[in-house]
Amino acid sequence: MREVEFKLYLEQDNAITSKKKSVSSKVGKALIVERELSVDLDEIVKDDEKTYHLLLAVKEKLNDELYHGVYQNSVRRYYAIVNGKEFPTLKQFERSYKKAT
């Protein structure tokens, strides 16, 4: 993961009000995802299907629903800086993926 680039991207986001705390938290959560699931976010977010499967793994293995989706949110934010667009919701992706196959 390109930590410095991710941090700068988050710091420029006007929707984030508590810059220092929130930015550090999001970067930290992304690092936890990489460490706990043994993945490289740079490799994963290049591929929508891999991103989808990672988000499912985060939800299940990191009990992300208990944490209000903070780990998934960090992955989604990282996806956005790499791809220049937001990743769809899991349900939206599932619908579009089923149509394509």
N, C-alpha and C. Protein backbone atom coordinates (compact mmCIF):
# COMPACT_ATOMS: atom_id res chain seq x y z
N MET A 1 0.84 -1.18 0.00
CA MET A 1 0.00 0.00 0.00
C MET A 1 0.89 1.24 0.00
N ARG A 2 0.45 2.20 -0.74
CA ARG A 2 1.19 3.47 -0.80
C ARG A 2 0.67 4.39 0.30
N GLU A 3 1.23 4.22 1.48
CA GLU A 3 0.75 4.91 2.68
C GLU A 3 0.75 6.43 2.55
N VAL A 4 1.85 6.98 2.06
CA VAL A 4 1.97 8.44 1.99
C VAL A 4 0.91 9.01 1.04
N GLU A 5 0.74 8.38 -0.12
CA GLU A 5 -0.26 8.84 -1.08
C GLU A 5 -1.68 8.73 -0.50
N PHE A 6 -1.94 7.63 0.20
CA PHE A 6 -3.24 7.42 0.81
C PHE A 6 -3.50 8.49 1.87
N LYS A 7 -2.51 8.75 2.69
CA LYS A 7 -2.64 9.76 3.74
C LYS A 7 -2.92 11.15 3.14
N LEU A 8 -2.18 11.51 2.11
CA LEU A 8 -2.38 12.82 1.47
C LEU A 8 -3.77 12.93 0.85
N TYR A 9 -4.23 11.85 0.22
CA TYR A 9 -5.57 11.82 -0.37
C TYR A 9 -6.63 12.06 0.70
N LEU A 10 -6.50 11.37 1.81
CA LEU A 10 -7.48 11.51 2.89
C LEU A 10 -7.43 12.90 3.51
N GLU A 11 -6.24 13.47 3.64
CA GLU A 11 -6.10 14.80 4.23
C GLU A 11 -6.77 15.87 3.37
N GLN A 12 -6.86 15.62 2.07
CA GLN A 12 -7.48 16.59 1.16
C GLN A 12 -8.99 16.42 1.05
N ASP A 13 -9.53 15.40 1.67
CA ASP A 13 -10.96 15.11 1.61
C ASP A 13 -11.72 16.05 2.54
N ASN A 14 -12.55 16.90 1.97
CA ASN A 14 -13.31 17.87 2.78
C ASN A 14 -14.35 17.21 3.68
N ALA A 15 -14.73 15.98 3.37
CA ALA A 15 -15.74 15.28 4.19
C ALA A 15 -15.15 14.81 5.52
N ILE A 16 -13.84 14.76 5.62
CA ILE A 16 -13.19 14.34 6.86
C ILE A 16 -12.94 15.58 7.71
N THR A 17 -13.60 15.64 8.85
CA THR A 17 -13.49 16.83 9.69
C THR A 17 -12.34 16.74 10.68
N SER A 18 -12.15 15.60 11.28
CA SER A 18 -11.07 15.42 12.25
C SER A 18 -9.87 14.82 11.52
N LYS A 19 -9.15 15.67 10.82
CA LYS A 19 -8.11 15.21 9.89
C LYS A 19 -7.10 14.26 10.53
N LYS A 20 -6.44 14.68 11.57
CA LYS A 20 -5.34 13.89 12.12
C LYS A 20 -5.82 12.52 12.62
N LYS A 21 -6.86 12.53 13.43
CA LYS A 21 -7.35 11.29 14.02
C LYS A 21 -7.97 10.37 12.96
N SER A 22 -8.83 10.91 12.14
CA SER A 22 -9.53 10.10 11.14
C SER A 22 -8.58 9.55 10.08
N VAL A 23 -7.68 10.38 9.60
CA VAL A 23 -6.72 9.94 8.58
C VAL A 23 -5.84 8.82 9.14
N SER A 24 -5.33 9.01 10.33
CA SER A 24 -4.49 7.97 10.95
C SER A 24 -5.27 6.68 11.14
N SER A 25 -6.52 6.80 11.52
CA SER A 25 -7.36 5.63 11.73
C SER A 25 -7.59 4.86 10.43
N LYS A 26 -7.92 5.58 9.35
CA LYS A 26 -8.18 4.93 8.07
C LYS A 26 -6.93 4.25 7.52
N VAL A 27 -5.80 4.91 7.62
CA VAL A 27 -4.55 4.31 7.15
C VAL A 27 -4.24 3.09 8.00
N GLY A 28 -4.40 3.21 9.30
CA GLY A 28 -4.15 2.08 10.20
C GLY A 28 -5.04 0.89 9.92
N LYS A 29 -6.32 1.15 9.64
CA LYS A 29 -7.25 0.06 9.33
C LYS A 29 -6.85 -0.64 8.04
N ALA A 30 -6.42 0.12 7.04
CA ALA A 30 -5.98 -0.49 5.78
C ALA A 30 -4.74 -1.37 6.01
N LEU A 31 -3.84 -0.91 6.85
CA LEU A 31 -2.65 -1.71 7.18
C LEU A 31 -3.02 -2.99 7.91
N ILE A 32 -4.02 -2.90 8.78
CA ILE A 32 -4.49 -4.10 9.49
C ILE A 32 -5.07 -5.10 8.50
N VAL A 33 -5.85 -4.61 7.54
CA VAL A 33 -6.41 -5.50 6.52
C VAL A 33 -5.28 -6.23 5.79
N GLU A 34 -4.27 -5.48 5.37
CA GLU A 34 -3.14 -6.10 4.66
C GLU A 34 -2.46 -7.16 5.54
N ARG A 35 -2.20 -6.81 6.79
CA ARG A 35 -1.49 -7.71 7.68
C ARG A 35 -2.32 -8.94 8.04
N GLU A 36 -3.55 -8.73 8.48
CA GLU A 36 -4.37 -9.83 8.97
C GLU A 36 -4.84 -10.78 7.88
N LEU A 37 -5.02 -10.25 6.68
CA LEU A 37 -5.50 -11.09 5.57
C LEU A 37 -4.40 -11.43 4.57
N SER A 38 -3.18 -11.03 4.90
CA SER A 38 -2.00 -11.33 4.07
C SER A 38 -2.21 -10.94 2.60
N VAL A 39 -2.58 -9.67 2.40
CA VAL A 39 -2.81 -9.16 1.05
C VAL A 39 -2.02 -7.88 0.82
N ASP A 40 -1.86 -7.53 -0.44
CA ASP A 40 -1.27 -6.27 -0.84
C ASP A 40 -2.39 -5.48 -1.51
N LEU A 41 -2.83 -4.41 -0.87
CA LEU A 41 -3.96 -3.66 -1.40
C LEU A 41 -3.69 -3.14 -2.81
N ASP A 42 -2.45 -2.81 -3.13
CA ASP A 42 -2.15 -2.34 -4.48
C ASP A 42 -2.49 -3.39 -5.53
N GLU A 43 -2.25 -4.64 -5.22
CA GLU A 43 -2.57 -5.72 -6.15
C GLU A 43 -4.07 -6.00 -6.19
N ILE A 44 -4.71 -5.96 -5.06
CA ILE A 44 -6.13 -6.31 -4.97
C ILE A 44 -7.01 -5.27 -5.66
N VAL A 45 -6.81 -4.00 -5.38
CA VAL A 45 -7.75 -2.99 -5.86
C VAL A 45 -7.65 -2.72 -7.36
N LYS A 46 -6.67 -3.31 -8.01
CA LYS A 46 -6.58 -3.19 -9.47
C LYS A 46 -7.65 -4.04 -10.16
N ASP A 47 -8.22 -4.98 -9.43
CA ASP A 47 -9.17 -5.92 -9.99
C ASP A 47 -10.46 -5.88 -9.18
N ASP A 48 -11.57 -5.54 -9.84
CA ASP A 48 -12.85 -5.40 -9.12
C ASP A 48 -13.29 -6.69 -8.45
N GLU A 49 -13.10 -7.82 -9.11
CA GLU A 49 -13.52 -9.09 -8.52
C GLU A 49 -12.70 -9.41 -7.27
N LYS A 50 -11.40 -9.16 -7.33
CA LYS A 50 -10.55 -9.37 -6.15
C LYS A 50 -10.94 -8.42 -5.03
N THR A 51 -11.27 -7.19 -5.38
CA THR A 51 -11.70 -6.22 -4.37
C THR A 51 -12.99 -6.70 -3.71
N TYR A 52 -13.92 -7.18 -4.49
CA TYR A 52 -15.18 -7.70 -3.97
C TYR A 52 -14.92 -8.84 -2.98
N HIS A 53 -14.08 -9.78 -3.38
CA HIS A 53 -13.79 -10.92 -2.50
C HIS A 53 -13.05 -10.49 -1.24
N LEU A 54 -12.19 -9.49 -1.36
CA LEU A 54 -11.51 -8.97 -0.16
C LEU A 54 -12.51 -8.32 0.78
N LEU A 55 -13.44 -7.55 0.24
CA LEU A 55 -14.45 -6.91 1.10
C LEU A 55 -15.29 -7.95 1.83
N LEU A 56 -15.61 -9.04 1.15
CA LEU A 56 -16.34 -10.12 1.82
C LEU A 56 -15.50 -10.74 2.94
N ALA A 57 -14.20 -10.95 2.66
CA ALA A 57 -13.30 -11.53 3.66
C ALA A 57 -13.15 -10.59 4.86
N VAL A 58 -13.05 -9.32 4.60
CA VAL A 58 -12.95 -8.32 5.68
C VAL A 58 -14.20 -8.38 6.54
N LYS A 59 -15.33 -8.43 5.89
CA LYS A 59 -16.61 -8.49 6.61
C LYS A 59 -16.67 -9.71 7.52
N GLU A 60 -16.22 -10.84 7.01
CA GLU A 60 -16.31 -12.09 7.77
C GLU A 60 -15.16 -12.27 8.76
N LYS A 61 -13.94 -12.16 8.29
CA LYS A 61 -12.79 -12.51 9.12
C LYS A 61 -12.40 -11.45 10.12
N LEU A 62 -12.71 -10.20 9.82
CA LEU A 62 -12.37 -9.13 10.76
C LEU A 62 -13.59 -8.65 11.53
N ASN A 63 -14.70 -9.40 11.40
CA ASN A 63 -15.93 -9.03 12.11
C ASN A 63 -16.28 -7.56 11.89
N ASP A 64 -16.18 -7.13 10.65
CA ASP A 64 -16.29 -5.71 10.35
C ASP A 64 -17.65 -5.11 10.70
N GLU A 65 -18.70 -5.90 10.70
CA GLU A 65 -20.01 -5.35 11.05
C GLU A 65 -20.04 -4.87 12.50
N LEU A 66 -19.28 -5.52 13.36
CA LEU A 66 -19.19 -5.08 14.76
C LEU A 66 -18.54 -3.70 14.86
N TYR A 67 -17.69 -3.38 13.88
CA TYR A 67 -16.96 -2.11 13.89
C TYR A 67 -17.56 -1.10 12.92
N HIS A 68 -18.81 -1.33 12.52
CA HIS A 68 -19.54 -0.40 11.65
C HIS A 68 -18.87 -0.22 10.29
N GLY A 69 -18.21 -1.25 9.79
CA GLY A 69 -17.65 -1.22 8.44
C GLY A 69 -16.38 -0.41 8.26
N VAL A 70 -15.66 -0.12 9.33
CA VAL A 70 -14.49 0.74 9.22
C VAL A 70 -13.37 0.13 8.38
N TYR A 71 -13.22 -1.19 8.45
CA TYR A 71 -12.17 -1.83 7.65
C TYR A 71 -12.55 -1.82 6.17
N GLN A 72 -13.80 -2.14 5.88
CA GLN A 72 -14.26 -2.08 4.49
C GLN A 72 -14.14 -0.66 3.96
N ASN A 73 -14.49 0.31 4.78
CA ASN A 73 -14.41 1.70 4.37
C ASN A 73 -12.99 2.09 3.98
N SER A 74 -12.01 1.63 4.74
CA SER A 74 -10.62 1.95 4.42
C SER A 74 -10.21 1.32 3.10
N VAL A 75 -10.63 0.08 2.86
CA VAL A 75 -10.33 -0.57 1.58
C VAL A 75 -11.00 0.18 0.44
N ARG A 76 -12.23 0.57 0.63
CA ARG A 76 -12.97 1.31 -0.40
C ARG A 76 -12.31 2.66 -0.70
N ARG A 77 -11.84 3.33 0.33
CA ARG A 77 -11.17 4.62 0.13
C ARG A 77 -9.87 4.41 -0.64
N TYR A 78 -9.16 3.34 -0.33
CA TYR A 78 -7.92 3.08 -1.05
C TYR A 78 -8.22 2.72 -2.51
N TYR A 79 -9.26 1.95 -2.73
CA TYR A 79 -9.70 1.62 -4.08
C TYR A 79 -9.94 2.92 -4.88
N ALA A 80 -10.57 3.88 -4.23
CA ALA A 80 -10.91 5.15 -4.89
C ALA A 80 -9.67 5.91 -5.34
N ILE A 81 -8.62 5.93 -4.52
CA ILE A 81 -7.43 6.69 -4.96
C ILE A 81 -6.71 5.98 -6.09
N VAL A 82 -6.72 4.67 -6.09
CA VAL A 82 -6.04 3.92 -7.14
C VAL A 82 -6.81 3.97 -8.46
N ASN A 83 -8.14 3.87 -8.37
CA ASN A 83 -8.96 3.74 -9.58
C ASN A 83 -9.69 5.02 -10.00
N GLY A 84 -9.70 6.02 -9.14
CA GLY A 84 -10.37 7.27 -9.49
C GLY A 84 -11.88 7.17 -9.49
N LYS A 85 -12.41 6.16 -8.83
CA LYS A 85 -13.86 5.98 -8.72
C LYS A 85 -14.16 5.17 -7.47
N GLU A 86 -15.41 5.26 -7.01
CA GLU A 86 -15.83 4.51 -5.84
C GLU A 86 -16.17 3.07 -6.22
N PHE A 87 -15.93 2.14 -5.32
CA PHE A 87 -16.34 0.76 -5.54
C PHE A 87 -17.83 0.67 -5.21
N PRO A 88 -18.60 -0.05 -6.01
CA PRO A 88 -20.05 -0.15 -5.73
C PRO A 88 -20.31 -0.91 -4.43
N THR A 89 -21.55 -0.83 -3.97
CA THR A 89 -21.91 -1.63 -2.80
C THR A 89 -21.77 -3.10 -3.17
N LEU A 90 -21.70 -3.96 -2.18
CA LEU A 90 -21.56 -5.39 -2.46
C LEU A 90 -22.75 -5.90 -3.27
N LYS A 91 -23.95 -5.46 -2.94
CA LYS A 91 -25.15 -5.89 -3.67
C LYS A 91 -25.13 -5.40 -5.11
N GLN A 92 -24.71 -4.16 -5.33
CA GLN A 92 -24.62 -3.64 -6.69
C GLN A 92 -23.60 -4.44 -7.50
N PHE A 93 -22.46 -4.74 -6.89
CA PHE A 93 -21.44 -5.51 -7.60
C PHE A 93 -21.97 -6.91 -7.92
N GLU A 94 -22.64 -7.54 -6.97
CA GLU A 94 -23.18 -8.88 -7.18
C GLU A 94 -24.17 -8.88 -8.36
N ARG A 95 -25.03 -7.88 -8.43
CA ARG A 95 -26.00 -7.80 -9.53
C ARG A 95 -25.29 -7.63 -10.87
N SER A 96 -24.32 -6.74 -10.93
CA SER A 96 -23.63 -6.49 -12.20
C SER A 96 -22.74 -7.66 -12.59
N TYR A 97 -22.16 -8.33 -11.61
CA TYR A 97 -21.31 -9.49 -11.87
C TYR A 97 -22.14 -10.65 -12.42
N LYS A 98 -23.32 -10.87 -11.85
CA LYS A 98 -24.19 -11.95 -12.32
C LYS A 98 -24.65 -11.71 -13.76
N LYS A 99 -24.89 -10.44 -14.11
CA LYS A 99 -25.30 -10.11 -15.48
C LYS A 99 -24.17 -10.38 -16.47
N ALA A 100 -22.93 -10.12 -16.03
CA ALA A 100 -21.78 -10.27 -16.92
C ALA A 100 -21.40 -11.73 -17.13
N THR A 101 -21.76 -12.61 -16.22
CA THR A 101 -21.39 -14.02 -16.37
C THR A 101 -22.48 -14.87 -16.95
